Amino acid sequence: MVSSGHAQCCANHGLSLLISARIGADVRIVLFDAGPEAYALSRNCDRLRIPLGEVGAIVLSHGHWDHAGGLPEALRLIVSANGGRPVPFHVNPGMFVTRGMRLRNGGILPAEPVMTPVDLERRGAAICNSPEARVIAENLFYISGEIPRLTPYERGLPSHMKLAGDNSVWEPDPLIMDERYLAVHVKGKGIVVFTACSHAGVINVLRDARSTFGDIPLYAVMGGFHLSGAEVEAVIPDTIRDLGEFSLQRIIPCHCTGWRALHALAQIYSEEVLMPSAVGRQFVF
């Protein structure tokens, strides 16, 4: 045995979480997003020895390529490993619009679209396309519905655009209303919230989760907090202030959180609470 770079994972700009929930000997595994493209997903699954044949469902958080670009490869690998069975695949209709970013010169940079439900089905997806909240995988995972935008400072991504109507006119789409979060109730601890990108604002996400689960405390939040970049960094102090209202035991920033937000969080939270993520890292709740 030797150390080698060939054994290492591959980082890329995106998010993909493999989440397992256990009741006794019964385990259910969900793939939450699939990262930006095929190579990173395939390499990392191989290096981490992911049991792809045991993945019981796929959930897409929202319709951006850095979360959806690896979906075709994920389906190929899962269906190949499970003997050809279709995989339950949870989306909502808003994820399939064409998107882009408004540039400083006024032009629009289009984004790679999410593969259509028809094409996903051809690759082995059993599509559940609904805007409603639902529980999946033997009721072990909760997928949110539309996240209410209530905080005055979480205003989405101002330069975000989408094609409207007959796909001929670009219009502002800062709130990205198709975004959803995933949640799991961990016995004896509380709710773990997986935020994906937090275009809705991580405080809006957590307040919706608190409203949904009532007396069950929120235990942890993990995902992108979308606090990176000039358009959103101004709300870092407000976000950190309001995170305190949830008394979270674990805060695990990933993806689009950004180094300024991470540095600010580290001034407030101990290493027992704040646990930055990285490709290949495993967390147990």
Protein backbone atom coordinates (compact mmCIF):
# COMPACT_ATOMS: atom_id res chain seq x y z
CA MET A 1 0.00 0.00 0.00
CA VAL A 2 1.31 3.47 -0.93
CA SER A 3 -0.04 7.00 -0.71
CA SER A 4 -1.03 8.47 -4.06
CA GLY A 5 -3.03 11.26 -5.62
CA HIS A 6 -4.96 8.62 -7.51
CA ALA A 7 -6.77 7.80 -4.27
CA GLN A 8 -7.97 11.36 -3.69
CA CYS A 9 -11.39 12.81 -4.36
CA CYS A 10 -12.03 15.57 -6.90
CA ALA A 11 -13.39 18.95 -5.81
CA ASN A 12 -15.56 21.09 -8.07
CA HIS A 13 -17.95 24.01 -7.69
CA GLY A 14 -21.21 22.35 -6.72
CA LEU A 15 -22.95 20.22 -4.15
CA SER A 16 -23.86 16.56 -3.82
CA LEU A 17 -24.74 14.89 -0.52
CA LEU A 18 -25.31 11.19 0.05
CA ILE A 19 -27.56 10.97 3.12
CA SER A 20 -28.30 7.75 5.00
CA ALA A 21 -31.00 7.34 7.64
CA ARG A 22 -31.29 4.29 9.87
CA ILE A 23 -34.04 2.79 12.00
CA GLY A 24 -32.68 -0.33 13.67
CA ALA A 25 -31.20 -2.46 10.91
CA ASP A 26 -33.21 -0.69 8.21
CA VAL A 27 -31.22 1.87 6.18
CA ARG A 28 -32.50 4.24 3.51
CA ILE A 29 -30.09 6.23 1.29
CA VAL A 30 -30.95 9.38 -0.64
CA LEU A 31 -28.78 11.31 -3.10
CA PHE A 32 -29.40 15.03 -2.59
CA ASP A 33 -28.14 16.80 -5.73
CA ALA A 34 -25.40 15.44 -7.96
CA GLY A 35 -22.85 18.19 -8.37
CA PRO A 36 -21.88 19.97 -11.58
CA GLU A 37 -20.71 17.24 -13.94
CA ALA A 38 -20.03 13.55 -14.50
CA TYR A 39 -16.30 13.21 -13.84
CA ALA A 40 -16.26 14.49 -10.25
CA LEU A 41 -19.34 12.47 -9.32
CA SER A 42 -18.04 9.24 -10.82
CA ARG A 43 -14.51 9.61 -9.43
CA ASN A 44 -15.70 10.50 -5.93
CA CYS A 45 -18.23 7.67 -5.78
CA ASP A 46 -15.47 5.25 -6.78
CA ARG A 47 -12.90 6.62 -4.32
CA LEU A 48 -15.41 6.72 -1.45
CA ARG A 49 -16.82 3.28 -2.32
CA ILE A 50 -20.38 4.58 -2.37
CA PRO A 51 -22.98 1.76 -2.41
CA LEU A 52 -24.81 3.20 -5.41
CA GLY A 53 -27.02 0.14 -5.81
CA GLU A 54 -28.57 0.97 -2.43
CA VAL A 55 -29.59 4.54 -3.30
CA GLY A 56 -33.37 4.53 -2.92
CA ALA A 57 -34.18 8.02 -4.21
CA ILE A 58 -32.70 11.15 -5.76
CA VAL A 59 -33.76 14.66 -4.75
CA LEU A 60 -32.88 17.76 -6.76
CA SER A 61 -32.85 20.93 -4.65
CA HIS A 62 -33.24 23.45 -7.50
CA GLY A 63 -32.57 23.91 -11.17
CA HIS A 64 -28.94 25.04 -11.32
CA TRP A 65 -26.19 23.17 -13.17
CA ASP A 66 -23.83 23.07 -10.17
CA HIS A 67 -26.39 20.83 -8.44
CA ALA A 68 -27.88 19.09 -11.48
CA GLY A 69 -25.09 18.66 -14.03
CA GLY A 70 -24.05 15.28 -12.62
CA LEU A 71 -27.58 13.80 -12.63
CA PRO A 72 -27.28 11.83 -15.89
CA GLU A 73 -24.12 10.14 -14.63
CA ALA A 74 -25.67 9.54 -11.21
CA LEU A 75 -28.62 7.79 -12.83
CA ARG A 76 -26.35 5.72 -15.05
CA LEU A 77 -24.25 4.55 -12.12
CA ILE A 78 -27.19 3.85 -9.80
CA VAL A 79 -29.27 1.97 -12.36
CA SER A 80 -26.24 -0.05 -13.43
CA ALA A 81 -25.56 -0.98 -9.80
CA ASN A 82 -29.14 -1.82 -8.78
CA GLY A 83 -29.92 -4.24 -11.58
CA GLY A 84 -31.81 -1.81 -13.81
CA ARG A 85 -34.56 -0.69 -11.41
CA PRO A 86 -36.00 2.82 -11.92
CA VAL A 87 -34.98 5.28 -9.19
CA PRO A 88 -37.58 7.56 -7.55
CA PHE A 89 -36.54 11.07 -8.54
CA HIS A 90 -38.07 14.11 -6.83
CA VAL A 91 -38.30 17.48 -8.58
CA ASN A 92 -40.76 20.34 -9.02
CA PRO A 93 -41.90 22.05 -12.23
CA GLY A 94 -40.01 25.29 -11.56
CA MET A 95 -36.64 23.57 -11.90
CA PHE A 96 -36.83 23.24 -15.66
CA VAL A 97 -36.92 26.86 -16.81
CA THR A 98 -33.94 28.30 -18.69
CA ARG A 99 -31.81 30.50 -16.47
CA GLY A 100 -28.94 32.91 -16.73
CA MET A 101 -27.03 35.71 -15.07
CA ARG A 102 -27.17 39.39 -15.99
CA LEU A 103 -23.68 40.67 -16.76
CA ARG A 104 -22.33 44.12 -15.91
CA ASN A 105 -22.57 45.15 -19.56
CA GLY A 106 -26.29 44.31 -19.58
CA GLY A 107 -25.94 41.06 -21.48
CA ILE A 108 -27.17 37.67 -20.28
CA LEU A 109 -24.97 34.62 -19.74
CA PRO A 110 -27.29 31.59 -20.10
CA ALA A 111 -26.85 28.62 -17.76
CA GLU A 112 -26.82 24.99 -18.80
CA PRO A 113 -30.41 23.77 -18.35
CA VAL A 114 -31.46 20.86 -16.18
CA MET A 115 -32.12 17.71 -18.20
CA THR A 116 -35.85 17.42 -18.93
CA PRO A 117 -38.05 14.95 -17.04
CA VAL A 118 -38.54 12.94 -20.24
CA ASP A 119 -34.79 12.57 -20.76
CA LEU A 120 -34.26 11.74 -17.08
CA GLU A 121 -36.89 9.01 -17.33
CA ARG A 122 -35.09 7.55 -20.34
CA ARG A 123 -32.05 7.18 -18.10
CA GLY A 124 -33.91 5.37 -15.36
CA ALA A 125 -35.60 8.05 -13.26
CA ALA A 126 -39.10 7.47 -11.90
CA ILE A 127 -40.07 11.14 -11.83
CA CYS A 128 -42.17 12.65 -9.04
CA ASN A 129 -42.74 16.20 -10.31
CA SER A 130 -44.73 18.17 -7.75
CA PRO A 131 -44.44 21.56 -6.02
CA GLU A 132 -45.77 20.15 -2.74
CA ALA A 133 -43.87 19.12 0.39
CA ARG A 134 -43.64 15.35 0.92
CA VAL A 135 -42.01 12.59 2.89
CA ILE A 136 -40.09 9.86 1.09
CA ALA A 137 -38.10 6.66 1.67
CA GLU A 138 -40.36 5.04 4.28
CA ASN A 139 -41.11 8.46 5.77
CA LEU A 140 -37.50 8.99 6.86
CA PHE A 141 -36.84 12.11 4.72
CA TYR A 142 -38.85 15.31 4.39
CA ILE A 143 -38.70 17.41 1.20
CA SER A 144 -39.97 20.95 1.74
CA GLY A 145 -42.48 22.79 -0.34
CA GLU A 146 -41.95 26.37 -1.46
CA ILE A 147 -39.93 28.25 1.14
CA PRO A 148 -41.59 31.48 2.34
CA ARG A 149 -39.44 34.56 1.81
CA LEU A 150 -40.01 36.49 5.03
CA THR A 151 -36.75 38.04 6.22
CA PRO A 152 -36.26 41.61 4.97
CA TYR A 153 -32.58 41.12 4.08
CA GLU A 154 -32.58 37.73 2.30
CA ARG A 155 -33.39 38.86 -1.22
CA GLY A 156 -32.00 36.01 -3.29
CA LEU A 157 -29.59 36.61 -6.14
CA PRO A 158 -30.26 40.03 -7.72
CA SER A 159 -28.59 39.33 -11.08
CA HIS A 160 -30.38 36.00 -11.62
CA MET A 161 -32.62 35.82 -14.71
CA LYS A 162 -34.93 33.34 -16.44
CA LEU A 163 -36.58 32.98 -19.83
CA ALA A 164 -40.28 33.76 -19.56
CA GLY A 165 -43.40 33.00 -21.55
CA ASP A 166 -42.48 31.58 -24.94
CA ASN A 167 -38.77 31.53 -24.01
CA SER A 168 -38.10 34.74 -25.90
CA VAL A 169 -37.79 37.30 -23.10
CA TRP A 170 -35.40 37.36 -20.16
CA GLU A 171 -36.94 38.55 -16.90
CA PRO A 172 -35.56 38.98 -13.36
CA ASP A 173 -35.72 35.87 -11.18
CA PRO A 174 -33.84 36.79 -7.99
CA LEU A 175 -35.85 34.64 -5.57
CA ILE A 176 -35.38 31.27 -7.34
CA MET A 177 -38.64 29.95 -5.90
CA ASP A 178 -38.14 26.34 -7.02
CA GLU A 179 -35.49 25.77 -4.31
CA ARG A 180 -36.27 23.10 -1.69
CA TYR A 181 -34.51 21.75 1.41
CA LEU A 182 -34.30 18.23 2.82
CA ALA A 183 -34.70 17.35 6.50
CA VAL A 184 -34.29 14.31 8.73
CA HIS A 185 -35.43 13.80 12.34
CA VAL A 186 -32.59 12.23 14.32
CA LYS A 187 -33.85 10.46 17.44
CA GLY A 188 -32.75 12.10 20.67
CA LYS A 189 -31.28 15.13 18.88
CA GLY A 190 -33.73 16.85 16.56
CA ILE A 191 -34.03 17.98 12.98
CA VAL A 192 -31.05 18.06 10.63
CA VAL A 193 -31.71 20.49 7.76
CA PHE A 194 -29.87 20.12 4.44
CA THR A 195 -30.12 23.49 2.70
CA ALA A 196 -28.50 22.88 -0.70
CA CYS A 197 -27.73 26.48 -1.78
CA SER A 198 -29.93 28.66 0.45
CA HIS A 199 -31.00 31.00 -2.34
CA ALA A 200 -34.09 31.43 -0.15
CA GLY A 201 -31.79 32.57 2.66
CA VAL A 202 -30.62 30.16 5.32
CA ILE A 203 -32.68 31.99 7.96
CA ASN A 204 -35.83 31.65 5.85
CA VAL A 205 -35.02 27.96 5.44
CA LEU A 206 -34.53 27.38 9.16
CA ARG A 207 -37.63 29.35 10.14
CA ASP A 208 -39.70 27.31 7.73
CA ALA A 209 -38.25 24.10 9.16
CA ARG A 210 -38.98 25.27 12.71
CA SER A 211 -42.56 26.08 11.73
CA THR A 212 -42.95 22.72 10.00
CA PHE A 213 -41.61 20.55 12.82
CA GLY A 214 -43.09 22.44 15.76
CA ASP A 215 -41.83 21.23 19.13
CA ILE A 216 -38.97 19.17 17.65
CA PRO A 217 -35.81 21.27 17.98
CA LEU A 218 -33.52 22.03 15.06
CA TYR A 219 -30.26 20.22 15.74
CA ALA A 220 -28.08 20.95 12.70
CA VAL A 221 -27.90 22.74 9.38
CA MET A 222 -25.68 21.64 6.51
CA GLY A 223 -25.27 22.98 3.00
CA GLY A 224 -24.48 26.12 1.07
CA PHE A 225 -25.52 29.34 2.83
CA HIS A 226 -25.08 31.49 -0.29
CA LEU A 227 -23.11 34.24 1.40
CA SER A 228 -20.29 34.48 -1.13
CA GLY A 229 -19.97 37.33 -3.61
CA ALA A 230 -20.53 41.08 -3.61
CA GLU A 231 -24.28 40.75 -4.14
CA VAL A 232 -24.89 38.90 -0.87
CA GLU A 233 -21.94 39.41 1.49
CA ALA A 234 -23.56 42.49 3.03
CA VAL A 235 -26.10 40.27 4.82
CA ILE A 236 -23.48 38.14 6.62
CA PRO A 237 -23.84 40.03 9.95
CA ASP A 238 -27.66 39.79 9.89
CA THR A 239 -27.49 36.10 9.02
CA ILE A 240 -25.06 35.27 11.81
CA ARG A 241 -27.09 37.28 14.31
CA ASP A 242 -30.30 35.43 13.45
CA LEU A 243 -28.67 31.99 13.37
CA GLY A 244 -28.41 32.36 17.12
CA GLU A 245 -32.17 32.06 17.58
CA PHE A 246 -32.08 28.35 16.66
CA SER A 247 -29.53 27.13 19.24
CA LEU A 248 -28.04 24.78 16.65
CA GLN A 249 -25.65 22.10 17.88
CA ARG A 250 -23.98 21.66 14.47
CA ILE A 251 -23.44 24.20 11.70
CA ILE A 252 -21.81 22.73 8.60
CA PRO A 253 -21.26 25.29 5.83
CA CYS A 254 -20.44 24.06 2.32
CA HIS A 255 -20.35 25.11 -1.30
CA CYS A 256 -21.41 28.76 -1.74
CA THR A 257 -21.05 29.92 1.88
CA GLY A 258 -17.80 31.74 1.16
CA TRP A 259 -14.66 32.42 3.17
CA ARG A 260 -15.85 35.73 4.60
CA ALA A 261 -18.97 34.13 6.09
CA LEU A 262 -16.98 31.16 7.33
CA HIS A 263 -14.47 33.47 9.01
CA ALA A 264 -17.28 35.45 10.64
CA LEU A 265 -18.97 32.27 11.88
CA ALA A 266 -15.68 31.11 13.37
CA GLN A 267 -15.58 34.24 15.54
CA ILE A 268 -18.87 33.18 17.17
CA TYR A 269 -19.03 29.39 17.21
CA SER A 270 -16.69 26.79 18.68
CA GLU A 271 -15.17 23.93 16.70
CA GLU A 272 -17.69 21.59 18.34
CA VAL A 273 -20.50 23.49 16.59
CA LEU A 274 -18.95 24.92 13.41
CA MET A 275 -17.68 22.12 11.18
CA PRO A 276 -16.68 23.21 7.67
CA SER A 277 -17.26 20.59 5.01
CA ALA A 278 -15.03 19.36 2.21
CA VAL A 279 -15.32 16.83 -0.60
CA GLY A 280 -15.36 13.28 0.77
CA ARG A 281 -15.95 14.25 4.40
CA GLN A 282 -18.43 12.18 6.43
CA PHE A 283 -20.67 13.53 9.18
CA VAL A 284 -22.62 11.40 11.66
CA PHE A 285 -25.53 12.89 13.62
